[in-house]
Every structure is written in C-alpha cells, then in structure tokens.
Protein backbone atom coordinates (compact mmCIF):
# COMPACT_ATOMS: atom_id res chain seq x y z
CA UNK A 1 -41.69 14.97 -1.48
CA UNK A 2 -39.45 12.15 -0.54
CA UNK A 3 -35.98 11.24 -2.04
CA UNK A 4 -33.71 8.45 -2.19
CA UNK A 5 -29.97 8.47 -0.82
CA UNK A 6 -27.09 6.30 -1.88
CA UNK A 7 -23.30 6.21 -1.17
CA UNK A 8 -20.43 5.02 -1.18
CA UNK A 9 -17.41 4.72 0.67
CA UNK A 10 -13.71 4.31 -1.23
CA UNK A 11 -10.37 6.16 -0.08
CA UNK A 12 -7.96 4.46 -2.06
CA UNK A 13 -7.35 7.61 -4.20
CA UNK A 14 -6.69 9.54 -0.84
CA UNK A 15 -3.92 7.03 0.79
CA UNK A 16 -2.34 7.09 -2.77
CA UNK A 17 -2.41 10.68 -3.31
CA UNK A 18 -0.46 10.89 0.40
CA UNK A 19 2.10 8.73 -0.58
CA UNK A 20 2.80 11.44 -3.49
CA UNK A 21 3.46 14.18 -1.67
CA UNK A 22 4.98 12.17 1.51
CA UNK A 23 7.19 11.49 -2.16
CA UNK A 24 7.81 15.13 -3.00
CA UNK A 25 8.03 16.73 0.79
CA UNK A 26 10.68 14.27 0.92
CA UNK A 27 12.78 15.45 -2.13
CA UNK A 28 12.11 19.10 -1.11
CA UNK A 29 12.53 19.35 2.61
CA UNK A 30 16.65 20.05 2.61
CA UNK A 31 15.86 22.61 0.38
CA UNK A 32 13.58 24.53 2.62
CA UNK A 33 14.41 26.68 5.83
CA UNK A 34 13.14 24.28 8.79
CA UNK A 35 14.14 23.88 12.01
CA UNK A 36 15.86 20.34 12.33
CA UNK A 37 17.64 17.96 10.66
CA UNK A 38 16.93 17.56 7.01
CA UNK A 39 17.77 13.77 6.39
CA UNK A 40 14.95 13.00 9.83
CA UNK A 41 12.57 14.84 7.24
CA UNK A 42 13.23 13.20 4.69
CA UNK A 43 13.41 9.37 6.61
CA UNK A 44 9.64 10.24 7.69
CA UNK A 45 8.56 11.68 4.87
CA UNK A 46 10.07 8.95 2.95
CA UNK A 47 9.30 6.49 4.92
CA UNK A 48 5.51 7.68 5.89
CA UNK A 49 5.43 7.44 1.69
CA UNK A 50 5.83 3.68 1.16
CA UNK A 51 3.61 2.88 4.29
CA UNK A 52 1.04 4.73 2.67
CA UNK A 53 2.01 2.73 -1.16
CA UNK A 54 1.17 -0.48 0.03
CA UNK A 55 -1.57 1.01 1.78
CA UNK A 56 -2.80 1.99 -0.98
CA UNK A 57 -3.07 -1.52 -2.86
CA UNK A 58 -4.85 -3.27 -0.66
CA UNK A 59 -7.30 -0.73 0.22
CA UNK A 60 -7.95 -0.16 -4.03
CA UNK A 61 -7.86 -3.54 -3.87
CA UNK A 62 -10.95 -4.33 -1.35
CA UNK A 63 -12.09 -1.92 -3.45
CA UNK A 64 -12.02 -3.18 -6.65
CA UNK A 65 -13.23 -6.33 -4.68
CA UNK A 66 -16.72 -4.83 -3.03
CA UNK A 67 -17.61 -3.71 -7.06
CA UNK A 68 -16.91 -6.40 -8.64
CA UNK A 69 -20.39 -8.80 -7.82
CA UNK A 70 -22.01 -5.41 -9.50
CA UNK A 71 -20.78 -5.86 -12.78
CA UNK A 72 -22.08 -8.90 -15.26
CA UNK A 73 -19.04 -10.82 -16.00
CA UNK A 74 -18.17 -10.69 -11.76
CA UNK A 75 -21.28 -11.25 -10.63
CA UNK A 76 -20.10 -14.74 -9.44
CA UNK A 77 -17.00 -13.44 -6.99
CA UNK A 78 -18.12 -13.90 -3.48
CA UNK A 79 -17.01 -10.18 -1.80
CA UNK A 80 -18.13 -11.90 1.29
CA UNK A 81 -15.46 -14.31 1.09
CA UNK A 82 -12.92 -11.80 0.20
CA UNK A 83 -13.60 -9.70 3.00
CA UNK A 84 -13.24 -12.86 5.69
CA UNK A 85 -10.12 -13.91 3.89
CA UNK A 86 -7.03 -12.24 6.30
CA UNK A 87 -3.56 -13.12 4.49
CA UNK A 88 -2.62 -10.08 1.49
CA UNK A 89 -1.61 -12.81 -0.84
CA UNK A 90 -4.72 -14.08 -0.54
CA UNK A 91 -6.83 -11.29 -1.35
CA UNK A 92 -4.76 -10.51 -3.89
CA UNK A 93 -5.13 -14.14 -5.51
CA UNK A 94 -8.77 -13.77 -4.74
CA UNK A 95 -9.11 -11.35 -6.44
CA UNK A 96 -6.64 -12.17 -9.29
CA UNK A 97 -8.87 -15.16 -10.09
CA UNK A 98 -11.59 -13.74 -10.31
CA UNK A 99 -10.49 -11.56 -13.04
CA UNK A 100 -8.67 -14.04 -14.20
CA UNK A 101 -5.34 -12.60 -14.58
CA UNK A 102 -2.30 -14.84 -13.22
CA UNK A 103 0.28 -13.68 -10.91
CA UNK A 104 4.22 -14.43 -11.04
CA UNK A 105 5.67 -13.87 -7.55
CA UNK A 106 9.02 -13.95 -9.43
CA UNK A 107 9.46 -11.25 -11.38
CA UNK A 108 7.79 -7.73 -12.67
CA UNK A 109 5.09 -5.92 -10.97
CA UNK A 110 4.24 -8.32 -8.21
CA UNK A 111 7.49 -9.76 -7.85
CA UNK A 112 7.87 -5.73 -6.66
CA UNK A 113 4.75 -6.11 -4.28
CA UNK A 114 5.89 -9.06 -2.38
CA UNK A 115 9.21 -6.95 -1.77
CA UNK A 116 6.72 -4.31 -0.60
CA UNK A 117 4.90 -6.62 2.05
CA UNK A 118 8.32 -8.23 3.14
CA UNK A 119 8.97 -4.52 4.00
CA UNK A 120 5.93 -3.64 5.29
CA UNK A 121 5.50 -6.33 8.00
CA UNK A 122 9.03 -5.16 8.99
CA UNK A 123 7.94 -1.94 10.02
CA UNK A 124 4.22 -3.65 11.32
CA UNK A 125 6.15 -6.68 12.91
CA UNK A 126 9.71 -4.92 14.09
CA UNK A 127 11.71 -7.18 16.29
CA UNK A 128 14.09 -6.68 18.68
CA UNK A 129 17.52 -8.62 18.58
CA UNK A 130 20.44 -7.89 20.86
CA UNK A 131 24.37 -8.33 20.40
CA UNK A 132 26.02 -9.59 23.47
CA UNK A 133 28.96 -8.70 25.14
CA UNK A 134 31.92 -9.94 22.37
CA UNK A 135 35.40 -8.89 22.05
CA UNK A 136 36.24 -7.05 19.20
CA UNK A 137 39.54 -5.47 18.01
CA UNK A 138 38.63 -1.84 16.76
CA UNK A 139 35.56 0.48 17.28
CA UNK A 140 35.32 1.08 13.41
CA UNK A 141 34.80 -2.23 11.57
CA UNK A 142 34.09 -4.51 14.17
CA UNK A 143 30.51 -3.54 15.08
CA UNK A 144 29.51 -3.29 11.52
CA UNK A 145 30.08 -6.29 11.06
CA UNK A 146 28.60 -8.02 14.03
CA UNK A 147 25.00 -6.19 13.07
CA UNK A 148 25.66 -6.97 9.60
CA UNK A 149 23.46 -10.20 9.91
CA UNK A 150 20.58 -8.78 11.13
CA UNK A 151 20.48 -5.97 8.48
CA UNK A 152 17.48 -7.85 6.72
CA UNK A 153 15.21 -7.87 9.70
CA UNK A 154 16.17 -3.16 9.97
CA UNK A 155 13.46 -1.88 8.25
CA UNK A 156 15.29 1.10 8.05
CA UNK A 157 17.32 0.84 6.22
CA UNK A 158 14.92 0.50 2.56
CA UNK A 159 13.96 3.89 3.55
CA UNK A 160 14.93 5.54 0.64
CA UNK A 161 14.24 7.81 -2.00
CA UNK A 162 14.86 5.12 -4.94
CA UNK A 163 12.54 2.94 -2.86
CA UNK A 164 10.42 5.44 -1.86
CA UNK A 165 9.64 5.97 -5.22
CA UNK A 166 9.89 2.44 -7.27
CA UNK A 167 7.10 1.98 -3.98
CA UNK A 168 4.56 4.43 -4.49
CA UNK A 169 5.09 4.13 -9.15
CA UNK A 170 4.29 0.12 -8.56
CA UNK A 171 0.91 1.23 -6.38
CA UNK A 172 -0.20 3.56 -9.50
CA UNK A 173 0.70 0.88 -12.50
CA UNK A 174 -0.70 -1.99 -9.67
CA UNK A 175 -4.57 0.78 -9.81
CA UNK A 176 -3.49 1.14 -13.63
CA UNK A 177 -3.32 -2.54 -13.89
CA UNK A 178 -6.19 -3.79 -12.40
CA UNK A 179 -8.48 -0.70 -13.93
CA UNK A 180 -8.30 -1.62 -17.05
CA UNK A 181 -8.27 -5.36 -16.93
CA UNK A 182 -11.97 -5.03 -14.75
CA UNK A 183 -13.11 -1.93 -16.09
CA UNK A 184 -13.33 -0.58 -12.46
CA UNK A 185 -12.00 2.69 -10.87
CA UNK A 186 -14.15 2.65 -7.45
CA UNK A 187 -14.78 6.37 -6.19
CA UNK A 188 -16.12 7.94 -3.18
CA UNK A 189 -19.91 9.20 -4.14
CA UNK A 190 -23.33 10.42 -3.28
CA UNK A 191 -26.17 10.55 -4.73
CA UNK A 192 -29.80 11.61 -4.01
CA UNK A 193 -33.15 10.60 -6.34
CA UNK A 194 -36.17 11.73 -6.08
CA UNK A 195 -38.95 9.44 -5.25
CA UNK A 196 -41.85 8.70 -5.40
CA UNK A 197 -44.25 8.76 -2.44
CA UNK A 198 -46.62 5.94 -1.03
CA UNK A 199 -48.42 8.34 0.49
CA UNK A 200 -52.34 8.32 -1.13
C-alpha cells in the first residue's frame, strides 16, 4: 500500500540550544580539571555562544517567514521576496511588517539585537589595523592609549559572561515574542500517511 511522506527541516532550536550549552560550559570550565588555560576555554565558549545566539535569531526568523503563508492571516506574506533579501534588518523589518509589529532599534529588545548584529559583523568581517612607529614615554600606559581609538574594531573586548548571557536571553525573548505574536513555532517534523493507490 502506498504512503505519502512530508517533512520540514527547522534547526533554529538546535542552534539556540548549542548557544545555551556553550554558555553553561563557559561558566563551568574554570571548575573542571582540564588541561590548558581556563581563560582561553572560557573565551572560546562565550564567543561561540554569542555567535550562535545571533545565528538563532536569523534562523528562527527564516523559519517563521517560511511558515507564515500557510497561516490564513499571513497568507499574503511573500516568502520568496524574504528569501531573496540579503540584508539582516531588511528581513526583520519585512517579517515584523507582515505581523504587524513595530520595530524600535533605539531601545529595548531590538536595540540589543542591533548591538548583537554590529558585534557579529566585527567577528565575521574583522579588519586588521596597524600602529606605525610612534615615540612613547613609557612602555606601560602608552601602548594602551595608542590602541584605544581602535577598541571598537576589536570584537574580543566584548566576549565575556555578561554579554554571552545578554545575547542568549535576547535570542530567547525574540523567539518568544514572535511566537506569541504569530502563533507560529516551527519545528522539524516528518510524517507518513496512508495514501490511496492509483492502480485499478
């Protein structure tokens, strides 16, 4: 007897879970008897958690956008246009306009998401810089002052426990908000149903 098979793949929740796991690992690593520098391991864990928290926002948004046209109140949402859009904020604005829900990037949840995106861009598009030969009076304070104007270009300075927690909780709040507004909570699934044979 023939069967019909259908499936959807959504992996945003795995990404968010991995962000949480790395956040927990980063907090525990200093108490574990593992070889190597605890500070280096913490940095790696928090860095990974922060990157994945932002990635979960992108992935979840795409899954919701994919699902919206099948919901009656969102049936006019153009997922193909969303898919072809390349800019992060253009996608978020398109999604929220379709709900509809106003975005304010100057405060609250979306302000933090903007900070997350700016930081993620520093990671993925990190640019080198050079300080030319400069006469200094001492070797303690002077180098710090010379580097200060470049600090905003150094993503490493924001990698810490507080920011890792903030990024993760922001991703969770975003998914909760959009789920509440849309009623859409996309998850991976597969199903079989018994079909009717076309043979006589």
